[in-house]
Amino acid sequence: MYRKTIATAVAGLLILGLGACGNASDAKTVDAGSTSQSQTTKKPAEKKPVEQPADLTGTWKQTNSGSTDSWMEAEITADTITVQWVSDNGDTKSLYWKGSYNAPDKAGDWKWTSQGDTAAMQASLLGSQDATKDFTYTKADGVSWETTAMGTTTVVKTAKQ
């Protein structure tokens, strides 16, 4: 009987000891849980979307013409860029450039050399006499190019309409 009492006492101490350890580890788990919970309540790192190449198709109007009734305008399709001199508030258009267009294949600034349709441009009094023309795209300046008329060269800057 004495052995039974000692065994019961030892079992009781073990249960209390293990229970106390369990409570301590539960407290650690709670602390760890609250730490991880506070970490998960922070905003997860936002993934930046992958930048796509700019879609330049459409109409681009000159932003630096210095005139309210005349400007240059470029129309870009899937494979062609056509630039016109526009005057009389848009009532008159004269071909300046017609040539190839190479769409951007990467995000960011873009530059291409257009091969001109020289026959179409020769038929226009204000058409360019160049066989090629460099065009650039930047977010700041839109589509831009150099134009020379009457001995003066200007960088034409545009915005998409």
N, C-alpha and C. Protein backbone atom coordinates (compact mmCIF):
# COMPACT_ATOMS: atom_id res chain seq x y z
N MET A 1 0.80 -1.16 0.00
CA MET A 1 0.00 0.00 0.00
C MET A 1 0.86 1.26 0.00
N TYR A 2 1.91 1.18 0.72
CA TYR A 2 2.84 2.28 0.76
C TYR A 2 3.39 2.53 -0.65
N ARG A 3 3.66 1.45 -1.38
CA ARG A 3 4.15 1.58 -2.75
C ARG A 3 3.09 2.23 -3.63
N LYS A 4 1.85 1.88 -3.44
CA LYS A 4 0.77 2.42 -4.24
C LYS A 4 0.65 3.93 -3.98
N THR A 5 0.80 4.34 -2.74
CA THR A 5 0.71 5.74 -2.38
C THR A 5 1.87 6.52 -2.99
N ILE A 6 3.05 5.95 -2.95
CA ILE A 6 4.23 6.62 -3.54
C ILE A 6 4.05 6.71 -5.06
N ALA A 7 3.57 5.63 -5.67
CA ALA A 7 3.37 5.62 -7.12
C ALA A 7 2.34 6.68 -7.52
N THR A 8 1.29 6.78 -6.72
CA THR A 8 0.25 7.77 -7.01
C THR A 8 0.81 9.18 -6.84
N ALA A 9 1.60 9.40 -5.80
CA ALA A 9 2.20 10.71 -5.56
C ALA A 9 3.16 11.09 -6.68
N VAL A 10 3.98 10.13 -7.13
CA VAL A 10 4.93 10.39 -8.22
C VAL A 10 4.16 10.69 -9.51
N ALA A 11 3.11 9.92 -9.76
CA ALA A 11 2.30 10.14 -10.96
C ALA A 11 1.67 11.53 -10.90
N GLY A 12 1.20 11.93 -9.76
CA GLY A 12 0.59 13.25 -9.59
C GLY A 12 1.60 14.36 -9.83
N LEU A 13 2.83 14.17 -9.28
CA LEU A 13 3.88 15.16 -9.50
C LEU A 13 4.26 15.25 -10.98
N LEU A 14 4.33 14.10 -11.62
CA LEU A 14 4.65 14.10 -13.04
C LEU A 14 3.57 14.82 -13.84
N ILE A 15 2.33 14.56 -13.50
CA ILE A 15 1.23 15.22 -14.22
C ILE A 15 1.29 16.72 -14.00
N LEU A 16 1.50 17.14 -12.74
CA LEU A 16 1.61 18.58 -12.45
C LEU A 16 2.82 19.19 -13.15
N GLY A 17 3.94 18.47 -13.13
CA GLY A 17 5.16 18.96 -13.76
C GLY A 17 4.99 19.07 -15.27
N LEU A 18 4.40 18.06 -15.87
CA LEU A 18 4.19 18.11 -17.31
C LEU A 18 3.14 19.15 -17.67
N GLY A 19 2.14 19.28 -16.83
CA GLY A 19 1.12 20.30 -17.06
C GLY A 19 1.72 21.69 -17.00
N ALA A 20 2.61 21.92 -16.05
CA ALA A 20 3.27 23.22 -15.94
C ALA A 20 4.14 23.48 -17.15
N CYS A 21 4.85 22.44 -17.62
CA CYS A 21 5.67 22.59 -18.83
C CYS A 21 4.78 22.89 -20.01
N GLY A 22 3.67 22.21 -20.05
CA GLY A 22 2.73 22.44 -21.14
C GLY A 22 2.22 23.86 -21.12
N ASN A 23 1.94 24.40 -19.95
CA ASN A 23 1.46 25.78 -19.86
C ASN A 23 2.54 26.75 -20.28
N ALA A 24 3.78 26.46 -19.90
CA ALA A 24 4.88 27.34 -20.31
C ALA A 24 5.05 27.30 -21.82
N SER A 25 4.97 26.10 -22.38
CA SER A 25 5.13 26.03 -23.83
C SER A 25 3.92 26.62 -24.53
N ASP A 26 2.72 26.50 -23.89
CA ASP A 26 1.55 27.13 -24.46
C ASP A 26 1.74 28.64 -24.48
N ALA A 27 2.32 29.18 -23.40
CA ALA A 27 2.56 30.61 -23.34
C ALA A 27 3.53 31.02 -24.44
N LYS A 28 4.57 30.20 -24.65
CA LYS A 28 5.51 30.51 -25.72
C LYS A 28 4.81 30.42 -27.06
N THR A 29 3.96 29.41 -27.22
CA THR A 29 3.23 29.25 -28.47
C THR A 29 2.33 30.45 -28.71
N VAL A 30 1.68 30.90 -27.64
CA VAL A 30 0.81 32.07 -27.77
C VAL A 30 1.64 33.27 -28.17
N ASP A 31 2.81 33.46 -27.48
CA ASP A 31 3.67 34.58 -27.84
C ASP A 31 4.15 34.45 -29.26
N ALA A 32 4.58 33.26 -29.62
CA ALA A 32 5.05 33.05 -30.99
C ALA A 32 3.91 33.25 -31.96
N GLY A 33 2.74 32.77 -31.54
CA GLY A 33 1.57 32.94 -32.41
C GLY A 33 1.21 34.40 -32.58
N SER A 34 1.30 35.17 -31.48
CA SER A 34 0.95 36.58 -31.61
C SER A 34 2.00 37.31 -32.43
N THR A 35 3.25 36.88 -32.34
CA THR A 35 4.29 37.50 -33.15
C THR A 35 4.03 37.21 -34.61
N SER A 36 3.77 35.94 -34.92
CA SER A 36 3.53 35.61 -36.32
C SER A 36 2.22 36.22 -36.78
N GLN A 37 1.28 36.36 -35.86
CA GLN A 37 0.02 36.97 -36.24
C GLN A 37 0.24 38.45 -36.55
N SER A 38 1.07 39.12 -35.74
CA SER A 38 1.33 40.53 -36.00
C SER A 38 2.12 40.67 -37.30
N GLN A 39 2.95 39.70 -37.61
CA GLN A 39 3.68 39.76 -38.88
C GLN A 39 2.73 39.56 -40.05
N THR A 40 1.75 38.69 -39.89
CA THR A 40 0.84 38.45 -40.99
C THR A 40 -0.16 39.57 -41.16
N THR A 41 -0.36 40.40 -40.12
CA THR A 41 -1.27 41.52 -40.27
C THR A 41 -0.62 42.67 -41.01
N LYS A 42 0.70 42.66 -41.13
CA LYS A 42 1.37 43.67 -41.94
C LYS A 42 0.99 43.42 -43.38
N LYS A 43 1.01 44.50 -44.16
CA LYS A 43 0.69 44.35 -45.58
C LYS A 43 1.74 43.47 -46.23
N PRO A 44 1.30 42.47 -46.97
CA PRO A 44 2.29 41.67 -47.68
C PRO A 44 2.95 42.53 -48.76
N ALA A 45 4.18 42.18 -49.06
CA ALA A 45 4.92 42.93 -50.07
C ALA A 45 4.13 42.87 -51.38
N GLU A 46 3.84 44.07 -51.91
CA GLU A 46 3.07 44.12 -53.15
C GLU A 46 3.99 43.81 -54.31
N LYS A 47 3.51 42.95 -55.18
CA LYS A 47 4.29 42.61 -56.37
C LYS A 47 4.04 43.66 -57.43
N LYS A 48 5.12 44.18 -57.97
CA LYS A 48 4.99 45.16 -59.03
C LYS A 48 4.60 44.42 -60.31
N PRO A 49 3.61 44.95 -61.02
CA PRO A 49 3.26 44.30 -62.28
C PRO A 49 4.41 44.45 -63.27
N VAL A 50 4.57 43.47 -64.10
CA VAL A 50 5.62 43.50 -65.11
C VAL A 50 5.24 44.55 -66.14
N GLU A 51 6.14 45.50 -66.38
CA GLU A 51 5.85 46.54 -67.37
C GLU A 51 5.78 45.94 -68.76
N GLN A 52 4.79 46.39 -69.49
CA GLN A 52 4.59 45.94 -70.86
C GLN A 52 5.10 47.01 -71.82
N PRO A 53 5.44 46.63 -73.05
CA PRO A 53 5.83 47.64 -74.04
C PRO A 53 4.67 48.60 -74.28
N ALA A 54 4.99 49.85 -74.57
CA ALA A 54 3.96 50.86 -74.81
C ALA A 54 3.22 50.55 -76.11
N ASP A 55 1.92 50.82 -76.12
CA ASP A 55 1.11 50.71 -77.33
C ASP A 55 1.08 52.09 -77.96
N LEU A 56 1.80 52.26 -79.05
CA LEU A 56 1.93 53.57 -79.67
C LEU A 56 0.90 53.81 -80.77
N THR A 57 0.08 52.81 -81.09
CA THR A 57 -0.90 53.00 -82.15
C THR A 57 -1.90 54.09 -81.75
N GLY A 58 -2.31 54.88 -82.73
CA GLY A 58 -3.25 55.96 -82.49
C GLY A 58 -2.72 57.27 -83.04
N THR A 59 -3.34 58.36 -82.63
CA THR A 59 -2.98 59.69 -83.11
C THR A 59 -2.19 60.44 -82.05
N TRP A 60 -1.10 61.08 -82.47
CA TRP A 60 -0.22 61.83 -81.59
C TRP A 60 -0.16 63.28 -82.10
N LYS A 61 -0.53 64.23 -81.24
CA LYS A 61 -0.56 65.65 -81.62
C LYS A 61 0.64 66.38 -81.02
N GLN A 62 1.23 67.26 -81.79
CA GLN A 62 2.38 68.03 -81.35
C GLN A 62 2.03 68.88 -80.14
N THR A 63 2.91 68.86 -79.15
CA THR A 63 2.70 69.63 -77.92
C THR A 63 3.56 70.90 -77.86
N ASN A 64 4.52 71.03 -78.77
CA ASN A 64 5.43 72.18 -78.71
C ASN A 64 5.41 72.99 -80.01
N SER A 65 4.24 73.13 -80.63
CA SER A 65 4.18 73.85 -81.90
C SER A 65 4.27 75.37 -81.73
N GLY A 66 3.83 75.91 -80.59
CA GLY A 66 3.85 77.34 -80.39
C GLY A 66 2.73 78.06 -81.13
N SER A 67 1.81 77.30 -81.72
CA SER A 67 0.69 77.89 -82.45
C SER A 67 -0.59 77.16 -82.08
N THR A 68 -1.68 77.90 -82.03
CA THR A 68 -2.96 77.26 -81.71
C THR A 68 -3.68 76.77 -82.96
N ASP A 69 -3.26 77.26 -84.16
CA ASP A 69 -3.99 76.85 -85.37
C ASP A 69 -3.17 76.02 -86.35
N SER A 70 -1.91 75.65 -85.97
CA SER A 70 -1.13 74.75 -86.82
C SER A 70 -0.18 73.91 -85.97
N TRP A 71 0.01 72.67 -86.37
CA TRP A 71 0.84 71.73 -85.64
C TRP A 71 1.14 70.53 -86.53
N MET A 72 1.92 69.62 -86.00
CA MET A 72 2.17 68.34 -86.68
C MET A 72 1.41 67.26 -85.93
N GLU A 73 1.05 66.23 -86.67
CA GLU A 73 0.27 65.14 -86.08
C GLU A 73 0.75 63.84 -86.70
N ALA A 74 0.94 62.84 -85.88
CA ALA A 74 1.38 61.53 -86.37
C ALA A 74 0.27 60.51 -86.10
N GLU A 75 0.04 59.66 -87.08
CA GLU A 75 -0.89 58.56 -86.90
C GLU A 75 -0.10 57.26 -87.05
N ILE A 76 -0.17 56.42 -86.02
CA ILE A 76 0.57 55.16 -86.03
C ILE A 76 -0.43 54.02 -86.09
N THR A 77 -0.21 53.13 -87.06
CA THR A 77 -0.99 51.90 -87.17
C THR A 77 -0.07 50.74 -86.84
N ALA A 78 -0.51 49.53 -87.09
CA ALA A 78 0.29 48.35 -86.74
C ALA A 78 1.67 48.35 -87.38
N ASP A 79 1.81 48.92 -88.60
CA ASP A 79 3.11 48.86 -89.28
C ASP A 79 3.49 50.14 -90.02
N THR A 80 2.72 51.23 -89.83
CA THR A 80 2.98 52.46 -90.57
C THR A 80 2.89 53.67 -89.64
N ILE A 81 3.74 54.67 -89.90
CA ILE A 81 3.61 55.97 -89.25
C ILE A 81 3.46 57.01 -90.35
N THR A 82 2.43 57.85 -90.20
CA THR A 82 2.16 58.92 -91.15
C THR A 82 2.14 60.23 -90.36
N VAL A 83 2.97 61.18 -90.80
CA VAL A 83 3.06 62.48 -90.14
C VAL A 83 2.53 63.54 -91.10
N GLN A 84 1.66 64.40 -90.59
CA GLN A 84 1.06 65.45 -91.40
C GLN A 84 1.32 66.81 -90.78
N TRP A 85 1.45 67.83 -91.65
CA TRP A 85 1.40 69.22 -91.21
C TRP A 85 -0.08 69.55 -91.15
N VAL A 86 -0.56 70.07 -90.03
CA VAL A 86 -1.97 70.40 -89.87
C VAL A 86 -2.07 71.91 -89.67
N SER A 87 -3.00 72.54 -90.41
CA SER A 87 -3.18 73.99 -90.25
C SER A 87 -4.67 74.33 -90.34
N ASP A 88 -4.95 75.61 -90.20
CA ASP A 88 -6.33 76.10 -90.22
C ASP A 88 -7.18 75.35 -89.21
N ASN A 89 -6.61 75.17 -88.00
CA ASN A 89 -7.32 74.48 -86.91
C ASN A 89 -7.77 73.07 -87.29
N GLY A 90 -7.01 72.42 -88.15
CA GLY A 90 -7.30 71.04 -88.51
C GLY A 90 -8.01 70.87 -89.83
N ASP A 91 -8.36 71.98 -90.49
CA ASP A 91 -9.07 71.88 -91.77
C ASP A 91 -8.15 71.48 -92.93
N THR A 92 -6.84 71.75 -92.80
CA THR A 92 -5.90 71.45 -93.88
C THR A 92 -4.81 70.52 -93.36
N LYS A 93 -4.54 69.45 -94.11
CA LYS A 93 -3.47 68.53 -93.75
C LYS A 93 -2.61 68.27 -94.97
N SER A 94 -1.29 68.28 -94.75
CA SER A 94 -0.33 68.01 -95.83
C SER A 94 0.64 66.95 -95.36
N LEU A 95 0.87 65.95 -96.19
CA LEU A 95 1.76 64.85 -95.83
C LEU A 95 3.20 65.33 -95.67
N TYR A 96 3.80 64.98 -94.56
CA TYR A 96 5.22 65.24 -94.32
C TYR A 96 6.00 63.93 -94.37
N TRP A 97 5.51 62.90 -93.70
CA TRP A 97 6.23 61.62 -93.63
C TRP A 97 5.26 60.45 -93.70
N LYS A 98 5.64 59.45 -94.45
CA LYS A 98 4.92 58.19 -94.44
C LYS A 98 5.98 57.10 -94.53
N GLY A 99 5.95 56.19 -93.55
CA GLY A 99 6.98 55.16 -93.54
C GLY A 99 6.65 54.02 -92.61
N SER A 100 7.62 53.15 -92.44
CA SER A 100 7.43 51.94 -91.63
C SER A 100 7.44 52.28 -90.14
N TYR A 101 6.79 51.41 -89.40
CA TYR A 101 6.74 51.55 -87.94
C TYR A 101 7.06 50.20 -87.32
N ASN A 102 8.00 50.20 -86.37
CA ASN A 102 8.35 48.98 -85.63
C ASN A 102 7.89 49.17 -84.20
N ALA A 103 6.89 48.39 -83.78
CA ALA A 103 6.33 48.51 -82.43
C ALA A 103 7.36 48.11 -81.38
N PRO A 104 7.30 48.74 -80.20
CA PRO A 104 8.21 48.37 -79.12
C PRO A 104 8.05 46.91 -78.72
N ASP A 105 9.18 46.27 -78.42
CA ASP A 105 9.11 44.87 -77.96
C ASP A 105 9.58 44.76 -76.51
N LYS A 106 9.83 45.92 -75.89
CA LYS A 106 10.20 45.94 -74.47
C LYS A 106 9.65 47.21 -73.85
N ALA A 107 9.52 47.20 -72.53
CA ALA A 107 8.99 48.36 -71.81
C ALA A 107 10.03 49.48 -71.80
N GLY A 108 9.54 50.69 -71.61
CA GLY A 108 10.45 51.84 -71.49
C GLY A 108 10.58 52.61 -72.78
N ASP A 109 11.64 53.40 -72.84
CA ASP A 109 11.89 54.23 -74.01
C ASP A 109 12.10 53.35 -75.25
N TRP A 110 11.78 53.91 -76.41
CA TRP A 110 11.85 53.13 -77.65
C TRP A 110 12.33 54.02 -78.77
N LYS A 111 13.13 53.46 -79.66
CA LYS A 111 13.63 54.21 -80.80
C LYS A 111 13.59 53.30 -82.02
N TRP A 112 13.19 53.83 -83.16
CA TRP A 112 13.20 53.05 -84.39
C TRP A 112 13.51 53.96 -85.57
N THR A 113 14.02 53.36 -86.62
CA THR A 113 14.29 54.07 -87.86
C THR A 113 13.23 53.65 -88.86
N SER A 114 12.48 54.63 -89.33
CA SER A 114 11.39 54.37 -90.27
C SER A 114 11.93 54.45 -91.70
N GLN A 115 11.56 53.48 -92.51
CA GLN A 115 11.89 53.48 -93.94
C GLN A 115 10.77 54.22 -94.65
N GLY A 116 11.09 55.33 -95.33
CA GLY A 116 10.09 56.19 -95.91
C GLY A 116 9.50 55.68 -97.21
N ASP A 117 8.23 55.99 -97.42
CA ASP A 117 7.56 55.75 -98.70
C ASP A 117 7.86 56.99 -99.54
N THR A 118 9.02 56.98 -100.20
CA THR A 118 9.52 58.18 -100.88
C THR A 118 8.60 58.62 -102.02
N ALA A 119 7.94 57.69 -102.68
CA ALA A 119 7.02 58.07 -103.76
C ALA A 119 5.86 58.88 -103.21
N ALA A 120 5.28 58.46 -102.08
CA ALA A 120 4.16 59.19 -101.49
C ALA A 120 4.61 60.57 -101.02
N MET A 121 5.80 60.65 -100.44
CA MET A 121 6.28 61.93 -99.92
C MET A 121 6.66 62.90 -101.04
N GLN A 122 7.17 62.40 -102.18
CA GLN A 122 7.52 63.27 -103.30
C GLN A 122 6.29 63.92 -103.91
N ALA A 123 5.14 63.27 -103.78
CA ALA A 123 3.90 63.81 -104.32
C ALA A 123 3.34 64.95 -103.46
N SER A 124 3.90 65.14 -102.26
CA SER A 124 3.44 66.18 -101.35
C SER A 124 4.41 67.35 -101.36
N LEU A 125 3.88 68.57 -101.50
CA LEU A 125 4.71 69.76 -101.52
C LEU A 125 5.53 69.90 -100.24
N LEU A 126 4.95 69.49 -99.09
CA LEU A 126 5.63 69.60 -97.80
C LEU A 126 6.23 68.27 -97.33
N GLY A 127 6.31 67.29 -98.22
CA GLY A 127 6.83 65.97 -97.86
C GLY A 127 8.34 65.98 -97.64
N SER A 128 8.77 65.13 -96.75
CA SER A 128 10.20 64.98 -96.47
C SER A 128 10.90 64.39 -97.68
N GLN A 129 12.15 64.77 -97.87
CA GLN A 129 12.95 64.21 -98.95
C GLN A 129 13.88 63.11 -98.45
N ASP A 130 13.79 62.77 -97.17
CA ASP A 130 14.64 61.76 -96.57
C ASP A 130 14.12 60.35 -96.86
N ALA A 131 15.04 59.41 -96.98
CA ALA A 131 14.66 58.01 -97.19
C ALA A 131 14.36 57.31 -95.86
N THR A 132 14.97 57.80 -94.77
CA THR A 132 14.74 57.24 -93.44
C THR A 132 14.59 58.38 -92.44
N LYS A 133 13.92 58.08 -91.35
CA LYS A 133 13.75 59.07 -90.27
C LYS A 133 13.75 58.32 -88.95
N ASP A 134 14.48 58.89 -87.97
CA ASP A 134 14.52 58.30 -86.63
C ASP A 134 13.38 58.86 -85.79
N PHE A 135 12.67 57.97 -85.11
CA PHE A 135 11.60 58.33 -84.19
C PHE A 135 11.95 57.79 -82.82
N THR A 136 11.50 58.49 -81.79
CA THR A 136 11.77 58.10 -80.41
C THR A 136 10.46 58.16 -79.63
N TYR A 137 10.31 57.26 -78.66
CA TYR A 137 9.19 57.33 -77.72
C TYR A 137 9.75 57.37 -76.30
N THR A 138 9.30 58.36 -75.52
CA THR A 138 9.56 58.42 -74.08
C THR A 138 8.25 58.84 -73.41
N LYS A 139 8.09 58.48 -72.15
CA LYS A 139 6.89 58.91 -71.42
C LYS A 139 6.81 60.43 -71.36
N ALA A 140 7.94 61.10 -71.23
CA ALA A 140 7.96 62.55 -71.08
C ALA A 140 7.60 63.29 -72.37
N ASP A 141 8.12 62.83 -73.51
CA ASP A 141 7.96 63.55 -74.77
C ASP A 141 7.03 62.88 -75.77
N GLY A 142 6.46 61.73 -75.42
CA GLY A 142 5.61 61.01 -76.37
C GLY A 142 6.46 60.52 -77.53
N VAL A 143 5.85 60.49 -78.72
CA VAL A 143 6.60 60.15 -79.93
C VAL A 143 7.23 61.46 -80.41
N SER A 144 8.52 61.42 -80.72
CA SER A 144 9.20 62.64 -81.16
C SER A 144 10.12 62.33 -82.34
N TRP A 145 10.44 63.38 -83.09
CA TRP A 145 11.32 63.27 -84.24
C TRP A 145 11.83 64.66 -84.59
N GLU A 146 12.88 64.71 -85.38
CA GLU A 146 13.40 65.99 -85.86
C GLU A 146 12.77 66.33 -87.20
N THR A 147 12.40 67.60 -87.37
CA THR A 147 11.84 68.09 -88.62
C THR A 147 12.65 69.31 -89.05
N THR A 148 13.01 69.32 -90.31
CA THR A 148 13.74 70.47 -90.86
C THR A 148 12.86 71.12 -91.93
N ALA A 149 12.63 72.40 -91.76
CA ALA A 149 11.87 73.16 -92.76
C ALA A 149 12.52 74.54 -92.90
N MET A 150 12.76 74.96 -94.12
CA MET A 150 13.36 76.26 -94.42
C MET A 150 14.66 76.48 -93.65
N GLY A 151 15.45 75.42 -93.51
CA GLY A 151 16.76 75.52 -92.88
C GLY A 151 16.74 75.46 -91.36
N THR A 152 15.59 75.29 -90.75
CA THR A 152 15.50 75.23 -89.30
C THR A 152 15.07 73.82 -88.88
N THR A 153 15.83 73.24 -87.94
CA THR A 153 15.53 71.91 -87.44
C THR A 153 14.89 72.03 -86.05
N THR A 154 13.78 71.35 -85.88
CA THR A 154 13.03 71.35 -84.61
C THR A 154 12.76 69.93 -84.19
N VAL A 155 12.84 69.67 -82.89
CA VAL A 155 12.41 68.37 -82.35
C VAL A 155 10.92 68.50 -82.05
N VAL A 156 10.13 67.71 -82.74
CA VAL A 156 8.68 67.71 -82.53
C VAL A 156 8.37 66.74 -81.41
N LYS A 157 7.65 67.21 -80.38
CA LYS A 157 7.23 66.38 -79.26
C LYS A 157 5.71 66.27 -79.33
N THR A 158 5.19 65.09 -78.96
CA THR A 158 3.75 64.86 -79.10
C THR A 158 3.16 64.19 -77.86
N ALA A 159 1.84 64.20 -77.83
CA ALA A 159 1.07 63.50 -76.80
C ALA A 159 -0.02 62.72 -77.51
N LYS A 160 -0.35 61.56 -76.97
CA LYS A 160 -1.37 60.71 -77.58
C LYS A 160 -2.75 61.33 -77.38
N GLN A 161 -3.53 61.35 -78.42
CA GLN A 161 -4.88 61.93 -78.39
C GLN A 161 -5.90 60.88 -78.06
